[in-house]
PDB file of N, CA and C in Angstrom:
ATOM      1  N   ASP A   1       0.888  -1.238  -0.017  1.00  0.00           N
ATOM      2  CA  ASP A   1      -0.040  -0.031   0.218  1.00  0.00           C
ATOM      3  C   ASP A   1       0.876   1.233   0.146  1.00  0.00           C
ATOM      4  N   ARG A   2       2.211   1.060  -0.026  1.00  0.00           N
ATOM      5  CA  ARG A   2       3.144   2.146   0.000  1.00  0.00           C
ATOM      6  C   ARG A   2       3.008   2.932   1.154  1.00  0.00           C
ATOM      7  N   LYS A   3       2.744   2.314   2.195  1.00  0.00           N
ATOM      8  CA  LYS A   3       2.605   2.868   3.739  1.00  0.00           C
ATOM      9  C   LYS A   3       4.005   2.471   4.286  1.00  0.00           C
ATOM     10  N   LEU A   4       4.441   3.485   5.068  1.00  0.00           N
ATOM     11  CA  LEU A   4       5.694   3.348   5.704  1.00  0.00           C
ATOM     12  C   LEU A   4       5.411   2.431   6.988  1.00  0.00           C
ATOM     13  N   PHE A   5       6.273   1.568   7.396  1.00  0.00           N
ATOM     14  CA  PHE A   5       6.068   0.820   8.679  1.00  0.00           C
ATOM     15  C   PHE A   5       7.317   0.558   9.188  1.00  0.00           C
ATOM     16  N   GLY A   6       7.553   0.084  10.465  1.00  0.00           N
ATOM     17  CA  GLY A   6       8.867  -0.262  10.694  1.00  0.00           C
ATOM     18  C   GLY A   6       9.882   0.929  11.306  1.00  0.00           C
ATOM     19  N   LEU A   7       9.317   1.980  11.233  1.00  0.00           N
ATOM     20  CA  LEU A   7      10.181   3.008  11.580  1.00  0.00           C
ATOM     21  C   LEU A   7      10.185   3.578  12.936  1.00  0.00           C
ATOM     22  N   GLU A   8      11.290   3.985  13.605  1.00  0.00           N
ATOM     23  CA  GLU A   8      11.382   4.476  15.016  1.00  0.00           C
ATOM     24  C   GLU A   8      11.896   5.806  14.770  1.00  0.00           C
ATOM     25  N   ALA A   9      11.456   6.564  16.007  1.00  0.00           N
ATOM     26  CA  ALA A   9      12.102   8.036  16.244  1.00  0.00           C
ATOM     27  C   ALA A   9      13.456   7.575  17.113  1.00  0.00           C
ATOM     28  N   ALA A  10      14.416   7.989  16.745  1.00  0.00           N
ATOM     29  CA  ALA A  10      15.847   7.692  17.196  1.00  0.00           C
ATOM     30  C   ALA A  10      16.306   8.941  17.927  1.00  0.00           C
ATOM     31  N   HIS A  11      16.779   8.989  19.042  1.00  0.00           N
ATOM     32  CA  HIS A  11      17.402  10.158  19.771  1.00  0.00           C
ATOM     33  C   HIS A  11      18.857  10.198  19.214  1.00  0.00           C
ATOM     34  N   ILE A  12      19.236  11.499  18.747  1.00  0.00           N
ATOM     35  CA  ILE A  12      20.700  11.670  18.454  1.00  0.00           C
ATOM     36  C   ILE A  12      21.442  11.715  19.676  1.00  0.00           C
ATOM     37  N   ARG A  13      21.113  12.524  20.636  1.00  0.00           N
ATOM     38  CA  ARG A  13      21.586  12.630  22.073  1.00  0.00           C
ATOM     39  C   ARG A  13      20.631  11.868  22.846  1.00  0.00           C
ATOM     40  N   TRP A  14      21.184  10.682  23.375  1.00  0.00           N
ATOM     41  CA  TRP A  14      20.233   9.849  24.352  1.00  0.00           C
ATOM     42  C   TRP A  14      19.334  10.647  25.207  1.00  0.00           C
ATOM     43  N   ALA A  15      18.068  10.183  25.569  1.00  0.00           N
ATOM     44  CA  ALA A  15      17.453  10.836  26.747  1.00  0.00           C
ATOM     45  C   ALA A  15      18.158  10.614  28.016  1.00  0.00           C
ATOM     46  N   ASN A  16      18.829   9.542  28.232  1.00  0.00           N
ATOM     47  CA  ASN A  16      19.317   9.198  29.405  1.00  0.00           C
ATOM     48  C   ASN A  16      20.687  10.270  29.638  1.00  0.00           C
ATOM     49  N   ALA A  17      21.286  10.679  28.587  1.00  0.00           N
ATOM     50  CA  ALA A  17      22.332  11.569  28.516  1.00  0.00           C
ATOM     51  C   ALA A  17      22.058  13.044  28.350  1.00  0.00           C
ATOM     52  N   GLY A  18      20.713  13.370  28.901  1.00  0.00           N
ATOM     53  CA  GLY A  18      20.034  14.852  28.938  1.00  0.00           C
ATOM     54  C   GLY A  18      19.699  15.129  27.401  1.00  0.00           C
ATOM     55  N   GLY A  19      19.481  14.330  26.663  1.00  0.00           N
ATOM     56  CA  GLY A  19      18.783  14.636  25.081  1.00  0.00           C
ATOM     57  C   GLY A  19      17.418  14.978  25.460  1.00  0.00           C
ATOM     58  N   PRO A  20      16.868  16.010  24.812  1.00  0.00           N
ATOM     59  CA  PRO A  20      15.523  16.274  24.717  1.00  0.00           C
ATOM     60  C   PRO A  20      14.617  15.650  23.972  1.00  0.00           C
ATOM     61  N   ASP A  21      13.522  15.491  24.231  1.00  0.00           N
ATOM     62  CA  ASP A  21      12.513  14.650  23.653  1.00  0.00           C
ATOM     63  C   ASP A  21      11.893  15.938  22.558  1.00  0.00           C
ATOM     64  N   GLU A  22      12.614  16.249  21.358  1.00  0.00           N
ATOM     65  CA  GLU A  22      12.192  17.128  20.347  1.00  0.00           C
ATOM     66  C   GLU A  22      12.678  16.874  19.179  1.00  0.00           C
ATOM     67  N   VAL A  23      12.144  17.336  18.148  1.00  0.00           N
ATOM     68  CA  VAL A  23      12.246  16.712  16.867  1.00  0.00           C
ATOM     69  C   VAL A  23      13.701  17.235  16.399  1.00  0.00           C
ATOM     70  N   ARG A  24      14.351  18.329  16.895  1.00  0.00           N
ATOM     71  CA  ARG A  24      15.712  18.685  16.479  1.00  0.00           C
ATOM     72  C   ARG A  24      16.911  17.708  17.063  1.00  0.00           C
ATOM     73  N   ASN A  25      16.457  16.733  17.931  1.00  0.00           N
ATOM     74  CA  ASN A  25      17.104  15.750  18.752  1.00  0.00           C
ATOM     75  C   ASN A  25      16.803  14.329  18.112  1.00  0.00           C
ATOM     76  N   GLY A  26      16.253  14.165  16.867  1.00  0.00           N
ATOM     77  CA  GLY A  26      15.690  13.016  16.382  1.00  0.00           C
ATOM     78  C   GLY A  26      16.045  12.677  14.999  1.00  0.00           C
ATOM     79  N   LEU A  27      16.067  11.474  14.762  1.00  0.00           N
ATOM     80  CA  LEU A  27      16.023  10.720  13.516  1.00  0.00           C
ATOM     81  C   LEU A  27      14.932   9.851  13.094  1.00  0.00           C
ATOM     82  N   LEU A  28      14.422   9.720  12.056  1.00  0.00           N
ATOM     83  CA  LEU A  28      13.439   8.684  11.595  1.00  0.00           C
ATOM     84  C   LEU A  28      14.328   7.619  10.985  1.00  0.00           C
ATOM     85  N   LEU A  29      14.187   6.346  11.706  1.00  0.00           N
ATOM     86  CA  LEU A  29      15.087   5.278  11.161  1.00  0.00           C
ATOM     87  C   LEU A  29      14.390   4.069  11.273  1.00  0.00           C
ATOM     88  N   CYS A  30      14.776   3.034  10.492  1.00  0.00           N
ATOM     89  CA  CYS A  30      14.308   1.676  10.819  1.00  0.00           C
ATOM     90  C   CYS A  30      14.991   1.197  11.893  1.00  0.00           C
ATOM     91  N   ARG A  31      14.625   0.231  12.445  1.00  0.00           N
ATOM     92  CA  ARG A  31      15.166  -0.511  13.705  1.00  0.00           C
ATOM     93  C   ARG A  31      16.558  -0.819  13.730  1.00  0.00           C
ATOM     94  N   MET A  32      16.996  -1.321  12.540  1.00  0.00           N
ATOM     95  CA  MET A  32      18.537  -1.876  12.504  1.00  0.00           C
ATOM     96  C   MET A  32      19.138  -0.615  12.573  1.00  0.00           C
ATOM     97  N   HIS A  33      18.963   0.543  11.721  1.00  0.00           N
ATOM     98  CA  HIS A  33      19.867   1.615  11.399  1.00  0.00           C
ATOM     99  C   HIS A  33      19.744   2.416  12.999  1.00  0.00           C
ATOM    100  N   HIS A  34      18.664   2.361  13.652  1.00  0.00           N
ATOM    101  CA  HIS A  34      18.516   2.865  14.820  1.00  0.00           C
ATOM    102  C   HIS A  34      19.568   2.301  15.785  1.00  0.00           C
ATOM    103  N   HIS A  35      19.580   0.974  15.797  1.00  0.00           N
ATOM    104  CA  HIS A  35      20.531   0.419  16.637  1.00  0.00           C
ATOM    105  C   HIS A  35      22.007   0.756  16.199  1.00  0.00           C
ATOM    106  N   ALA A  36      22.293   0.778  15.057  1.00  0.00           N
ATOM    107  CA  ALA A  36      23.551   1.384  14.426  1.00  0.00           C
ATOM    108  C   ALA A  36      23.997   2.490  14.993  1.00  0.00           C
ATOM    109  N   LEU A  37      23.006   3.577  14.837  1.00  0.00           N
ATOM    110  CA  LEU A  37      23.116   4.972  15.320  1.00  0.00           C
ATOM    111  C   LEU A  37      23.598   4.906  16.970  1.00  0.00           C
ATOM    112  N   ASP A  38      22.628   4.158  17.819  1.00  0.00           N
ATOM    113  CA  ASP A  38      23.087   3.991  19.198  1.00  0.00           C
ATOM    114  C   ASP A  38      24.317   3.146  19.414  1.00  0.00           C
ATOM    115  N   ARG A  39      24.875   2.342  18.846  1.00  0.00           N
ATOM    116  CA  ARG A  39      26.044   1.632  18.771  1.00  0.00           C
ATOM    117  C   ARG A  39      27.351   2.463  18.128  1.00  0.00           C
ATOM    118  N   GLY A  40      26.982   3.609  17.466  1.00  0.00           N
ATOM    119  CA  GLY A  40      28.166   4.305  17.011  1.00  0.00           C
ATOM    120  C   GLY A  40      28.916   3.681  15.702  1.00  0.00           C
ATOM    121  N   ALA A  41      28.112   3.015  14.974  1.00  0.00           N
ATOM    122  CA  ALA A  41      28.381   2.414  13.601  1.00  0.00           C
ATOM    123  C   ALA A  41      28.063   3.270  12.614  1.00  0.00           C
ATOM    124  N   VAL A  42      27.219   4.352  12.767  1.00  0.00           N
ATOM    125  CA  VAL A  42      26.737   5.394  11.823  1.00  0.00           C
ATOM    126  C   VAL A  42      26.643   6.820  12.555  1.00  0.00           C
ATOM    127  N   LYS A  43      26.905   7.865  11.689  1.00  0.00           N
ATOM    128  CA  LYS A  43      26.532   9.077  12.276  1.00  0.00           C
ATOM    129  C   LYS A  43      25.949  10.140  11.108  1.00  0.00           C
ATOM    130  N   VAL A  44      25.546  11.045  11.566  1.00  0.00           N
ATOM    131  CA  VAL A  44      25.201  12.200  10.601  1.00  0.00           C
ATOM    132  C   VAL A  44      26.073  13.320  10.775  1.00  0.00           C
ATOM    133  N   ASP A  45      26.730  13.636   9.656  1.00  0.00           N
ATOM    134  CA  ASP A  45      27.755  14.635   9.840  1.00  0.00           C
ATOM    135  C   ASP A  45      27.068  16.205   9.629  1.00  0.00           C
ATOM    136  N   LYS A  46      27.855  17.294   9.622  1.00  0.00           N
ATOM    137  CA  LYS A  46      27.465  18.498   9.579  1.00  0.00           C
ATOM    138  C   LYS A  46      26.770  18.799   8.240  1.00  0.00           C
ATOM    139  N   GLU A  47      26.824  18.082   7.324  1.00  0.00           N
ATOM    140  CA  GLU A  47      26.568  18.265   6.039  1.00  0.00           C
ATOM    141  C   GLU A  47      25.016  17.858   5.956  1.00  0.00           C
ATOM    142  N   MET A  48      24.861  17.021   7.009  1.00  0.00           N
ATOM    143  CA  MET A  48      23.632  16.075   6.903  1.00  0.00           C
ATOM    144  C   MET A  48      23.697  14.974   6.148  1.00  0.00           C
ATOM    145  N   LYS A  49      24.988  14.348   6.025  1.00  0.00           N
ATOM    146  CA  LYS A  49      25.384  13.213   5.264  1.00  0.00           C
ATOM    147  C   LYS A  49      25.585  12.051   6.218  1.00  0.00           C
ATOM    148  N   VAL A  50      25.110  10.888   5.878  1.00  0.00           N
ATOM    149  CA  VAL A  50      25.487   9.620   6.586  1.00  0.00           C
ATOM    150  C   VAL A  50      26.979   9.250   6.364  1.00  0.00           C
ATOM    151  N   ARG A  51      27.364   9.047   7.632  1.00  0.00           N
ATOM    152  CA  ARG A  51      28.837   8.422   7.458  1.00  0.00           C
ATOM    153  C   ARG A  51      28.907   7.328   8.347  1.00  0.00           C
ATOM    154  N   ILE A  52      29.761   6.398   7.879  1.00  0.00           N
ATOM    155  CA  ILE A  52      29.740   4.876   8.514  1.00  0.00           C
ATOM    156  C   ILE A  52      31.248   4.832   9.173  1.00  0.00           C
ATOM    157  N   SER A  53      31.054   4.363  10.404  1.00  0.00           N
ATOM    158  CA  SER A  53      32.560   3.942  11.234  1.00  0.00           C
ATOM    159  C   SER A  53      33.481   3.256  10.323  1.00  0.00           C
ATOM    160  N   PRO A  54      34.629   3.694  10.453  1.00  0.00           N
ATOM    161  CA  PRO A  54      35.741   2.796   9.896  1.00  0.00           C
ATOM    162  C   PRO A  54      35.808   1.370  10.677  1.00  0.00           C
ATOM    163  N   LYS A  55      35.262   1.419  11.810  1.00  0.00           N
ATOM    164  CA  LYS A  55      35.400   0.310  12.704  1.00  0.00           C
ATOM    165  C   LYS A  55      34.350  -0.789  12.452  1.00  0.00           C
ATOM    166  N   LEU A  56      33.364  -0.387  11.303  1.00  0.00           N
ATOM    167  CA  LEU A  56      32.347  -1.285  11.205  1.00  0.00           C
ATOM    168  C   LEU A  56      32.974  -2.527  10.286  1.00  0.00           C
ATOM    169  N   ALA A  57      32.576  -3.704  10.695  1.00  0.00           N
ATOM    170  CA  ALA A  57      33.138  -4.853   9.936  1.00  0.00           C
ATOM    171  C   ALA A  57      32.694  -4.797   8.348  1.00  0.00           C
ATOM    172  N   ARG A  58      33.538  -5.023   7.461  1.00  0.00           N
ATOM    173  CA  ARG A  58      33.211  -4.903   5.943  1.00  0.00           C
ATOM    174  C   ARG A  58      33.144  -6.229   5.288  1.00  0.00           C
ATOM    175  N   ASP A  59      31.979  -6.354   4.716  1.00  0.00           N
ATOM    176  CA  ASP A  59      31.510  -7.456   4.072  1.00  0.00           C
ATOM    177  C   ASP A  59      30.529  -7.378   3.145  1.00  0.00           C
ATOM    178  N   PRO A  60      30.095  -8.265   2.324  1.00  0.00           N
ATOM    179  CA  PRO A  60      29.297  -7.907   1.281  1.00  0.00           C
ATOM    180  C   PRO A  60      27.684  -7.625   1.926  1.00  0.00           C
ATOM    181  N   ARG A  61      27.417  -8.462   3.140  1.00  0.00           N
ATOM    182  CA  ARG A  61      26.014  -7.878   3.808  1.00  0.00           C
ATOM    183  C   ARG A  61      26.200  -6.372   4.344  1.00  0.00           C
ATOM    184  N   SER A  62      27.281  -6.197   5.079  1.00  0.00           N
ATOM    185  CA  SER A  62      27.425  -5.088   5.658  1.00  0.00           C
ATOM    186  C   SER A  62      27.302  -3.835   4.619  1.00  0.00           C
ATOM    187  N   ASP A  63      28.096  -4.168   3.671  1.00  0.00           N
ATOM    188  CA  ASP A  63      28.082  -3.161   2.614  1.00  0.00           C
ATOM    189  C   ASP A  63      26.528  -2.727   1.937  1.00  0.00           C
ATOM    190  N   GLU A  64      25.918  -3.799   1.879  1.00  0.00           N
ATOM    191  CA  GLU A  64      24.538  -3.768   1.442  1.00  0.00           C
ATOM    192  C   GLU A  64      23.757  -2.791   2.407  1.00  0.00           C
ATOM    193  N   LEU A  65      24.111  -3.231   3.564  1.00  0.00           N
ATOM    194  CA  LEU A  65      23.098  -2.591   4.601  1.00  0.00           C
ATOM    195  C   LEU A  65      23.482  -1.214   5.169  1.00  0.00           C
ATOM    196  N   PHE A  66      24.848  -1.097   4.917  1.00  0.00           N
ATOM    197  CA  PHE A  66      25.479   0.292   5.622  1.00  0.00           C
ATOM    198  C   PHE A  66      26.275   0.877   4.460  1.00  0.00           C
ATOM    199  N   ALA A  67      27.303   0.382   3.800  1.00  0.00           N
ATOM    200  CA  ALA A  67      28.288   1.170   3.164  1.00  0.00           C
ATOM    201  C   ALA A  67      27.590   1.932   2.171  1.00  0.00           C
ATOM    202  N   ARG A  68      26.572   1.461   1.418  1.00  0.00           N
ATOM    203  CA  ARG A  68      25.914   2.096   0.376  1.00  0.00           C
ATOM    204  C   ARG A  68      25.461   3.508   0.691  1.00  0.00           C
ATOM    205  N   PHE A  69      25.183   3.729   1.916  1.00  0.00           N
ATOM    206  CA  PHE A  69      24.398   5.138   2.458  1.00  0.00           C
ATOM    207  C   PHE A  69      25.605   5.978   2.766  1.00  0.00           C
ATOM    208  N   ASP A  70      26.858   5.613   2.735  1.00  0.00           N
ATOM    209  CA  ASP A  70      27.856   6.377   3.124  1.00  0.00           C
ATOM    210  C   ASP A  70      27.922   7.691   2.167  1.00  0.00           C
ATOM    211  N   GLY A  71      27.829   8.766   2.743  1.00  0.00           N
ATOM    212  CA  GLY A  71      28.080  10.031   1.817  1.00  0.00           C
ATOM    213  C   GLY A  71      26.635  10.300   1.368  1.00  0.00           C
ATOM    214  N   GLN A  72      25.669   9.738   1.667  1.00  0.00           N
ATOM    215  CA  GLN A  72      24.130  10.049   1.202  1.00  0.00           C
ATOM    216  C   GLN A  72      23.509  11.056   2.171  1.00  0.00           C
ATOM    217  N   GLU A  73      22.903  12.089   1.589  1.00  0.00           N
ATOM    218  CA  GLU A  73      22.218  13.063   2.580  1.00  0.00           C
ATOM    219  C   GLU A  73      20.957  12.539   2.881  1.00  0.00           C
ATOM    220  N   ILE A  74      20.732  12.773   4.069  1.00  0.00           N
ATOM    221  CA  ILE A  74      19.556  12.356   4.843  1.00  0.00           C
ATOM    222  C   ILE A  74      18.328  13.308   4.455  1.00  0.00           C
ATOM    223  N   GLY A  75      16.993  12.668   4.517  1.00  0.00           N
ATOM    224  CA  GLY A  75      15.849  13.350   4.343  1.00  0.00           C
ATOM    225  C   GLY A  75      15.675  14.354   5.544  1.00  0.00           C
ATOM    226  N   LEU A  76      15.298  15.601   5.182  1.00  0.00           N
ATOM    227  CA  LEU A  76      15.320  16.673   6.475  1.00  0.00           C
ATOM    228  C   LEU A  76      13.776  17.148   6.477  1.00  0.00           C
ATOM    229  N   PRO A  77      13.228  17.471   7.630  1.00  0.00           N
ATOM    230  CA  PRO A  77      12.043  17.999   7.714  1.00  0.00           C
ATOM    231  C   PRO A  77      11.769  19.181   6.940  1.00  0.00           C
ATOM    232  N   LYS A  78      10.815  19.425   6.565  1.00  0.00           N
ATOM    233  CA  LYS A  78      10.416  20.819   5.739  1.00  0.00           C
ATOM    234  C   LYS A  78      10.888  21.937   6.458  1.00  0.00           C
ATOM    235  N   LYS A  79      10.456  22.116   7.744  1.00  0.00           N
ATOM    236  CA  LYS A  79      10.943  23.407   8.510  1.00  0.00           C
ATOM    237  C   LYS A  79      12.247  23.267   9.019  1.00  0.00           C
ATOM    238  N   GLN A  80      13.157  24.214   8.579  1.00  0.00           N
ATOM    239  CA  GLN A  80      14.445  24.031   8.879  1.00  0.00           C
ATOM    240  C   GLN A  80      14.676  24.431  10.413  1.00  0.00           C
ATOM    241  N   ALA A  81      13.638  24.788  11.117  1.00  0.00           N
ATOM    242  CA  ALA A  81      13.815  24.839  12.676  1.00  0.00           C
ATOM    243  C   ALA A  81      13.652  23.341  13.271  1.00  0.00           C
ATOM    244  N   ASP A  82      13.279  22.373  12.498  1.00  0.00           N
ATOM    245  CA  ASP A  82      13.149  21.026  12.819  1.00  0.00           C
ATOM    246  C   ASP A  82      14.356  20.291  12.355  1.00  0.00           C
ATOM    247  N   HIS A  83      15.452  20.580  11.609  1.00  0.00           N
ATOM    248  CA  HIS A  83      16.647  19.782  11.256  1.00  0.00           C
ATOM    249  C   HIS A  83      17.316  19.559  12.513  1.00  0.00           C
ATOM    250  N   PRO A  84      18.025  18.298  12.430  1.00  0.00           N
ATOM    251  CA  PRO A  84      18.795  18.032  13.546  1.00  0.00           C
ATOM    252  C   PRO A  84      19.857  19.070  14.062  1.00  0.00           C
ATOM    253  N   HIS A  85      19.735  19.255  15.384  1.00  0.00           N
ATOM    254  CA  HIS A  85      20.523  20.301  15.991  1.00  0.00           C
ATOM    255  C   HIS A  85      21.980  20.014  16.029  1.00  0.00           C
ATOM    256  N   HIS A  86      22.923  20.937  15.498  1.00  0.00           N
ATOM    257  CA  HIS A  86      24.204  20.787  15.828  1.00  0.00           C
ATOM    258  C   HIS A  86      24.851  20.444  16.900  1.00  0.00           C
ATOM    259  N   ASP A  87      24.240  20.660  18.389  1.00  0.00           N
ATOM    260  CA  ASP A  87      24.788  20.285  19.308  1.00  0.00           C
ATOM    261  C   ASP A  87      24.463  18.872  19.665  1.00  0.00           C
ATOM    262  N   MET A  88      23.095  18.392  19.143  1.00  0.00           N
ATOM    263  CA  MET A  88      23.018  17.058  19.377  1.00  0.00           C
ATOM    264  C   MET A  88      23.853  16.173  18.725  1.00  0.00           C
ATOM    265  N   LEU A  89      24.149  16.628  17.414  1.00  0.00           N
ATOM    266  CA  LEU A  89      25.008  15.999  16.541  1.00  0.00           C
ATOM    267  C   LEU A  89      26.716  15.791  16.956  1.00  0.00           C
ATOM    268  N   LYS A  90      27.088  16.981  17.562  1.00  0.00           N
ATOM    269  CA  LYS A  90      28.417  17.134  18.061  1.00  0.00           C
ATOM    270  C   LYS A  90      28.224  16.074  19.141  1.00  0.00           C
ATOM    271  N   TRP A  91      27.441  16.014  19.878  1.00  0.00           N
ATOM    272  CA  TRP A  91      27.393  15.133  21.306  1.00  0.00           C
ATOM    273  C   TRP A  91      27.480  13.719  20.684  1.00  0.00           C
ATOM    274  N   HIS A  92      26.865  13.413  19.731  1.00  0.00           N
ATOM    275  CA  HIS A  92      26.854  11.809  19.148  1.00  0.00           C
ATOM    276  C   HIS A  92      28.200  11.549  18.420  1.00  0.00           C
ATOM    277  N   TRP A  93      28.931  12.754  17.923  1.00  0.00           N
ATOM    278  CA  TRP A  93      30.189  12.423  17.321  1.00  0.00           C
ATOM    279  C   TRP A  93      31.121  12.271  18.313  1.00  0.00           C
ATOM    280  N   SER A  94      30.925  12.832  19.480  1.00  0.00           N
ATOM    281  CA  SER A  94      32.229  12.803  20.451  1.00  0.00           C
ATOM    282  C   SER A  94      32.002  11.575  21.334  1.00  0.00           C
ATOM    283  N   GLU A  95      30.615  11.190  21.752  1.00  0.00           N
ATOM    284  CA  GLU A  95      30.456  10.329  22.840  1.00  0.00           C
ATOM    285  C   GLU A  95      30.022   9.061  22.297  1.00  0.00           C
ATOM    286  N   VAL A  96      29.545   8.715  21.021  1.00  0.00           N
ATOM    287  CA  VAL A  96      29.128   7.527  20.696  1.00  0.00           C
ATOM    288  C   VAL A  96      29.832   7.066  19.435  1.00  0.00           C
ATOM    289  N   PHE A  97      29.946   7.959  18.195  1.00  0.00           N
ATOM    290  CA  PHE A  97      30.535   7.405  17.112  1.00  0.00           C
ATOM    291  C   PHE A  97      31.876   6.764  17.223  1.00  0.00           C
ATOM    292  N   LYS A  98      32.212   5.711  16.640  1.00  0.00           N
ATOM    293  CA  LYS A  98      33.258   4.871  16.690  1.00  0.00           C
ATOM    294  C   LYS A  98      34.220   5.450  15.655  1.00  0.00           C
ATOM    295  N   ARG A  99      35.401   6.105  15.987  1.00  0.00           N
ATOM    296  CA  ARG A  99      36.303   6.474  14.890  1.00  0.00           C
ATOM    297  C   ARG A  99      37.340   5.606  14.432  1.00  0.00           C
TER     298      ARG A  99
END
């Protein structure tokens, strides 16, 4: 039916780390990519592009699920005020993302 399902609201800065429950601190992801974000396997950079951790194991399956998104721009809310906030992204880069 062309309906979306299986999507989750993912905190960029986790709620238990002081992250607010607001659109600017969230991304809409499938469950697998939500877990990848939470484990530091992926991030969104300041240009709003997906970046894959160099520590993520590389094989054909992970390339299919993750590497093909590396460098791709994320879909953003229509209102710029709702775009991911730089401070939330910066927290994720320093505290979660595996370099």
